[in-house]
C-alpha atoms as a PDB file:
ATOM      1  CA  MET A   1      10.504  -2.215   9.886  1.00  0.00           C
ATOM      2  CA  LYS A   2       7.266  -1.068   8.274  1.00  0.00           C
ATOM      3  CA  PRO A   3       6.580  -2.523   4.778  1.00  0.00           C
ATOM      4  CA  LYS A   4       6.951  -0.110   1.878  1.00  0.00           C
ATOM      5  CA  HIS A   5       3.644   0.394   0.093  1.00  0.00           C
ATOM      6  CA  LEU A   6       4.171   0.220  -3.628  1.00  0.00           C
ATOM      7  CA  ARG A   7       0.555   0.724  -4.629  1.00  0.00           C
ATOM      8  CA  MET A   8       0.254   3.188  -7.498  1.00  0.00           C
ATOM      9  CA  GLN A   9      -0.700   6.561  -6.067  1.00  0.00           C
ATOM     10  CA  GLY A  10      -3.840   8.049  -7.568  1.00  0.00           C
ATOM     11  CA  TRP A  11      -4.973   4.764  -9.142  1.00  0.00           C
ATOM     12  CA  ASP A  12      -8.727   4.233  -9.042  1.00  0.00           C
ATOM     13  CA  PHE A  13      -9.021   0.726  -7.569  1.00  0.00           C
ATOM     14  CA  THR A  14     -12.739   0.661  -8.406  1.00  0.00           C
ATOM     15  CA  SER A  15     -11.843   0.647 -12.137  1.00  0.00           C
ATOM     16  CA  PRO A  16     -13.084  -2.310 -14.172  1.00  0.00           C
ATOM     17  CA  GLY A  17     -10.268  -4.676 -15.081  1.00  0.00           C
ATOM     18  CA  TRP A  18      -8.256  -7.667 -13.969  1.00  0.00           C
ATOM     19  CA  TYR A  19      -6.328  -7.592 -10.711  1.00  0.00           C
ATOM     20  CA  PHE A  20      -3.658 -10.119  -9.714  1.00  0.00           C
ATOM     21  CA  LEU A  21      -3.560 -10.435  -5.940  1.00  0.00           C
ATOM     22  CA  THR A  22      -1.084 -12.119  -3.622  1.00  0.00           C
ATOM     23  CA  LEU A  23      -2.114 -12.222   0.029  1.00  0.00           C
ATOM     24  CA  SER A  24       0.543 -13.591   2.364  1.00  0.00           C
ATOM     25  CA  THR A  25       0.380 -14.765   5.938  1.00  0.00           C
ATOM     26  CA  LYS A  26       1.998 -12.760   8.696  1.00  0.00           C
ATOM     27  CA  GLU A  27       5.717 -13.495   8.850  1.00  0.00           C
ATOM     28  CA  MET A  28       5.135 -15.918   5.953  1.00  0.00           C
ATOM     29  CA  ARG A  29       3.967 -18.612   8.373  1.00  0.00           C
ATOM     30  CA  SER A  30       2.603 -21.769   6.774  1.00  0.00           C
ATOM     31  CA  GLU A  31      -1.025 -21.601   7.897  1.00  0.00           C
ATOM     32  CA  PHE A  32      -2.898 -23.166   4.971  1.00  0.00           C
ATOM     33  CA  GLY A  33      -1.310 -26.598   4.507  1.00  0.00           C
ATOM     34  CA  THR A  34       1.784 -28.200   3.009  1.00  0.00           C
ATOM     35  CA  VAL A  35       3.220 -29.120  -0.363  1.00  0.00           C
ATOM     36  CA  VAL A  36       3.901 -32.846  -0.665  1.00  0.00           C
ATOM     37  CA  ASN A  37       5.401 -34.316  -3.857  1.00  0.00           C
ATOM     38  CA  GLY A  38       4.669 -31.062  -5.688  1.00  0.00           C
ATOM     39  CA  ARG A  39       0.983 -31.027  -4.677  1.00  0.00           C
ATOM     40  CA  MET A  40      -0.687 -28.598  -2.307  1.00  0.00           C
ATOM     41  CA  ASN A  41      -2.512 -30.330   0.538  1.00  0.00           C
ATOM     42  CA  LEU A  42      -4.862 -27.865   2.186  1.00  0.00           C
ATOM     43  CA  ASN A  43      -5.499 -28.171   5.896  1.00  0.00           C
ATOM     44  CA  GLU A  44      -8.713 -26.877   7.517  1.00  0.00           C
ATOM     45  CA  SER A  45      -7.344 -23.304   7.430  1.00  0.00           C
ATOM     46  CA  GLY A  46      -6.506 -23.648   3.731  1.00  0.00           C
ATOM     47  CA  ARG A  47      -9.963 -25.014   2.939  1.00  0.00           C
ATOM     48  CA  ILE A  48     -11.489 -22.006   4.696  1.00  0.00           C
ATOM     49  CA  ALA A  49      -9.272 -19.605   2.688  1.00  0.00           C
ATOM     50  CA  GLU A  50     -10.245 -21.446  -0.529  1.00  0.00           C
ATOM     51  CA  ARG A  51     -13.989 -21.411   0.239  1.00  0.00           C
ATOM     52  CA  PHE A  52     -14.000 -17.720   1.182  1.00  0.00           C
ATOM     53  CA  TRP A  53     -12.122 -16.807  -2.020  1.00  0.00           C
ATOM     54  CA  ARG A  54     -14.855 -18.486  -4.074  1.00  0.00           C
ATOM     55  CA  GLU A  55     -17.528 -16.608  -2.079  1.00  0.00           C
ATOM     56  CA  ILE A  56     -16.188 -13.116  -2.862  1.00  0.00           C
ATOM     57  CA  PRO A  57     -18.760 -12.519  -5.682  1.00  0.00           C
ATOM     58  CA  ALA A  58     -21.622 -13.244  -3.266  1.00  0.00           C
ATOM     59  CA  HIS A  59     -20.534 -10.214  -1.236  1.00  0.00           C
ATOM     60  CA  PHE A  60     -19.202  -8.023  -4.074  1.00  0.00           C
ATOM     61  CA  PRO A  61     -21.413  -8.410  -7.186  1.00  0.00           C
ATOM     62  CA  ARG A  62     -18.929  -6.576  -9.456  1.00  0.00           C
ATOM     63  CA  ALA A  63     -16.176  -9.059  -8.559  1.00  0.00           C
ATOM     64  CA  VAL A  64     -15.545 -12.191 -10.603  1.00  0.00           C
ATOM     65  CA  VAL A  65     -13.010 -14.666  -9.229  1.00  0.00           C
ATOM     66  CA  ASP A  66     -10.904 -16.505 -11.756  1.00  0.00           C
ATOM     67  CA  GLU A  67      -7.868 -18.745 -11.372  1.00  0.00           C
ATOM     68  CA  HIS A  68      -6.447 -18.865  -7.876  1.00  0.00           C
ATOM     69  CA  VAL A  69      -4.284 -21.062  -5.703  1.00  0.00           C
ATOM     70  CA  VAL A  70      -3.952 -21.350  -1.943  1.00  0.00           C
ATOM     71  CA  MET A  71      -0.345 -22.085  -0.963  1.00  0.00           C
ATOM     72  CA  PRO A  72       1.054 -22.825   2.521  1.00  0.00           C
ATOM     73  CA  ASN A  73       1.711 -19.165   3.345  1.00  0.00           C
ATOM     74  CA  HIS A  74      -0.120 -17.153   0.691  1.00  0.00           C
ATOM     75  CA  VAL A  75      -3.015 -16.987  -1.746  1.00  0.00           C
ATOM     76  CA  HIS A  76      -2.642 -15.974  -5.409  1.00  0.00           C
ATOM     77  CA  GLY A  77      -5.745 -15.009  -7.312  1.00  0.00           C
ATOM     78  CA  LEU A  78      -7.050 -13.252 -10.384  1.00  0.00           C
ATOM     79  CA  LEU A  79     -10.038 -11.075  -9.652  1.00  0.00           C
ATOM     80  CA  GLN A  80     -11.978  -9.064 -12.194  1.00  0.00           C
ATOM     81  CA  LEU A  81     -14.036  -5.983 -11.443  1.00  0.00           C
ATOM     82  CA  THR A  82     -16.701  -5.852 -14.128  1.00  0.00           C
ATOM     83  CA  THR A  83     -18.643  -2.606 -14.541  1.00  0.00           C
ATOM     84  CA  ALA A  84     -17.825   0.678 -12.883  1.00  0.00           C
ATOM     85  CA  ASP A  85     -19.765   1.546  -9.740  1.00  0.00           C
ATOM     86  CA  TRP A  86     -21.493   4.680 -10.965  1.00  0.00           C
ATOM     87  CA  SER A  87     -23.190   5.177  -7.603  1.00  0.00           C
ATOM     88  CA  ILE A  88     -19.921   6.721  -6.416  1.00  0.00           C
ATOM     89  CA  GLU A  89     -19.864  10.266  -7.746  1.00  0.00           C
ATOM     90  CA  GLY A  90     -16.620  11.819  -8.927  1.00  0.00           C
ATOM     91  CA  ARG A  91     -13.179  10.249  -9.223  1.00  0.00           C
ATOM     92  CA  SER A  92     -11.860  11.775  -5.990  1.00  0.00           C
ATOM     93  CA  GLU A  93     -14.610  10.043  -3.996  1.00  0.00           C
ATOM     94  CA  ARG A  94     -13.475   6.682  -5.419  1.00  0.00           C
ATOM     95  CA  LEU A  95      -9.886   7.092  -4.177  1.00  0.00           C
ATOM     96  CA  GLU A  96      -9.232   5.445  -0.832  1.00  0.00           C
ATOM     97  CA  ALA A  97      -7.725   7.302   2.067  1.00  0.00           C
ATOM     98  CA  PHE A  98      -6.909   6.138   5.566  1.00  0.00           C
ATOM     99  CA  GLY A  99     -10.171   5.614   7.424  1.00  0.00           C
ATOM    100  CA  LYS A 100     -12.236   6.235   4.279  1.00  0.00           C
ATOM    101  CA  PRO A 101     -12.772   2.893   2.514  1.00  0.00           C
ATOM    102  CA  VAL A 102     -14.516   2.873  -0.847  1.00  0.00           C
ATOM    103  CA  ALA A 103     -17.284   0.297  -1.328  1.00  0.00           C
ATOM    104  CA  GLY A 104     -16.414  -2.310  -3.943  1.00  0.00           C
ATOM    105  CA  SER A 105     -12.772  -1.255  -4.359  1.00  0.00           C
ATOM    106  CA  ILE A 106     -10.018  -3.847  -4.546  1.00  0.00           C
ATOM    107  CA  SER A 107      -8.751  -2.664  -1.149  1.00  0.00           C
ATOM    108  CA  THR A 108     -12.181  -3.122   0.432  1.00  0.00           C
ATOM    109  CA  ILE A 109     -12.591  -6.578  -1.128  1.00  0.00           C
ATOM    110  CA  VAL A 110      -9.140  -7.679   0.079  1.00  0.00           C
ATOM    111  CA  ARG A 111      -9.692  -6.218   3.551  1.00  0.00           C
ATOM    112  CA  SER A 112     -13.071  -7.975   3.826  1.00  0.00           C
ATOM    113  CA  TYR A 113     -11.639 -11.294   2.614  1.00  0.00           C
ATOM    114  CA  LYS A 114      -8.736 -11.175   5.049  1.00  0.00           C
ATOM    115  CA  SER A 115     -11.012 -10.252   7.929  1.00  0.00           C
ATOM    116  CA  ALA A 116     -13.579 -12.955   7.128  1.00  0.00           C
ATOM    117  CA  VAL A 117     -10.909 -15.660   6.787  1.00  0.00           C
ATOM    118  CA  SER A 118      -9.209 -14.575  10.013  1.00  0.00           C
ATOM    119  CA  ARG A 119     -12.525 -14.636  11.933  1.00  0.00           C
ATOM    120  CA  ALA A 120     -13.455 -18.046  10.514  1.00  0.00           C
ATOM    121  CA  LEU A 121     -10.037 -19.453  11.412  1.00  0.00           C
ATOM    122  CA  ALA A 122     -10.408 -18.140  14.948  1.00  0.00           C
ATOM    123  CA  GLU A 123     -13.778 -19.866  15.282  1.00  0.00           C
ATOM    124  CA  ALA A 124     -13.015 -23.132  13.475  1.00  0.00           C
ATOM    125  CA  CYS A 125      -9.389 -23.727  14.337  1.00  0.00           C
ATOM    126  CA  GLY A 126      -8.823 -21.742  17.519  1.00  0.00           C
ATOM    127  CA  ILE A 127      -6.246 -19.564  15.759  1.00  0.00           C
ATOM    128  CA  ASP A 128      -5.682 -15.993  16.944  1.00  0.00           C
ATOM    129  CA  ALA A 129      -7.569 -13.909  14.349  1.00  0.00           C
ATOM    130  CA  SER A 130      -5.367 -10.870  14.944  1.00  0.00           C
ATOM    131  CA  THR A 131      -2.256 -12.513  13.512  1.00  0.00           C
ATOM    132  CA  LYS A 132      -3.179 -13.989  10.130  1.00  0.00           C
ATOM    133  CA  PHE A 133      -2.587 -11.676   7.149  1.00  0.00           C
ATOM    134  CA  ALA A 134       0.110  -9.167   6.295  1.00  0.00           C
ATOM    135  CA  PRO A 135      -0.369  -5.572   5.122  1.00  0.00           C
ATOM    136  CA  THR A 136      -1.148  -5.420   1.418  1.00  0.00           C
ATOM    137  CA  THR A 137       1.294  -3.754  -0.972  1.00  0.00           C
ATOM    138  CA  MET A 138       2.240  -3.843  -4.683  1.00  0.00           C
ATOM    139  CA  PRO A 139       1.812  -1.583  -7.718  1.00  0.00           C
ATOM    140  CA  PRO A 140      -0.809  -1.959 -10.450  1.00  0.00           C
ATOM    141  CA  VAL A 141       0.506  -3.862 -13.475  1.00  0.00           C
ATOM    142  CA  ARG A 142      -0.764  -4.759 -16.940  1.00  0.00           C
ATOM    143  CA  ILE A 143      -1.640  -8.348 -17.793  1.00  0.00           C
ATOM    144  CA  SER A 144      -2.215  -9.056 -21.487  1.00  0.00           C
ATOM    145  CA  GLY A 145      -2.905  -5.380 -22.122  1.00  0.00           C
ATOM    146  CA  VAL A 146      -5.600  -5.261 -19.431  1.00  0.00           C
ATOM    147  CA  THR A 147      -5.012  -2.841 -16.579  1.00  0.00           C
ATOM    148  CA  SER A 148      -4.609  -4.749 -13.369  1.00  0.00           C
ATOM    149  CA  ALA A 149      -3.213  -4.262  -9.902  1.00  0.00           C
ATOM    150  CA  THR A 150      -1.037  -6.621  -7.957  1.00  0.00           C
ATOM    151  CA  THR A 151      -1.427  -6.713  -4.231  1.00  0.00           C
ATOM    152  CA  ARG A 152       1.109  -8.426  -2.038  1.00  0.00           C
ATOM    153  CA  SER A 153       1.092  -8.926   1.669  1.00  0.00           C
ATOM    154  CA  THR A 154       3.968  -9.915   3.837  1.00  0.00           C
ATOM    155  CA  SER A 155       1.824 -10.973   6.765  1.00  0.00           C
ATOM    156  CA  MET A 156      -1.842 -11.344   7.761  1.00  0.00           C
ATOM    157  CA  PRO A 157      -3.168  -9.133  10.597  1.00  0.00           C
END
């Protein structure tokens, strides 16, 4: 069964604001480590996911990473988009469509992160890069009065 996409239709995911993201592994497989006595112990895959999360701003200057946690089968993180990308003219050109990614959008950042982690895992750990992350779905929400979007995946491609 195909996951239902709950992302808010028409939302401009290049908008400045805070976004709460949850990115889950495919079929919720524990790829990133284990919880022992209430503490997360990252394995090599988890350390890669952690390092790449921290590197997001190096690739997307408008993105600021805040609190985040890598769990056995998912990553939670707060990500802020700072200023609007005024190089993209018109609101309609900032809305993503299939096959038409928008530079600097939350979807593009998430897609790039998932791809980079999957490639690194394939190289470092011999894990099949095509089976890591799930499709991303969830509606935008408000956190402390700040517009934000939640993204959830059920598996990593």
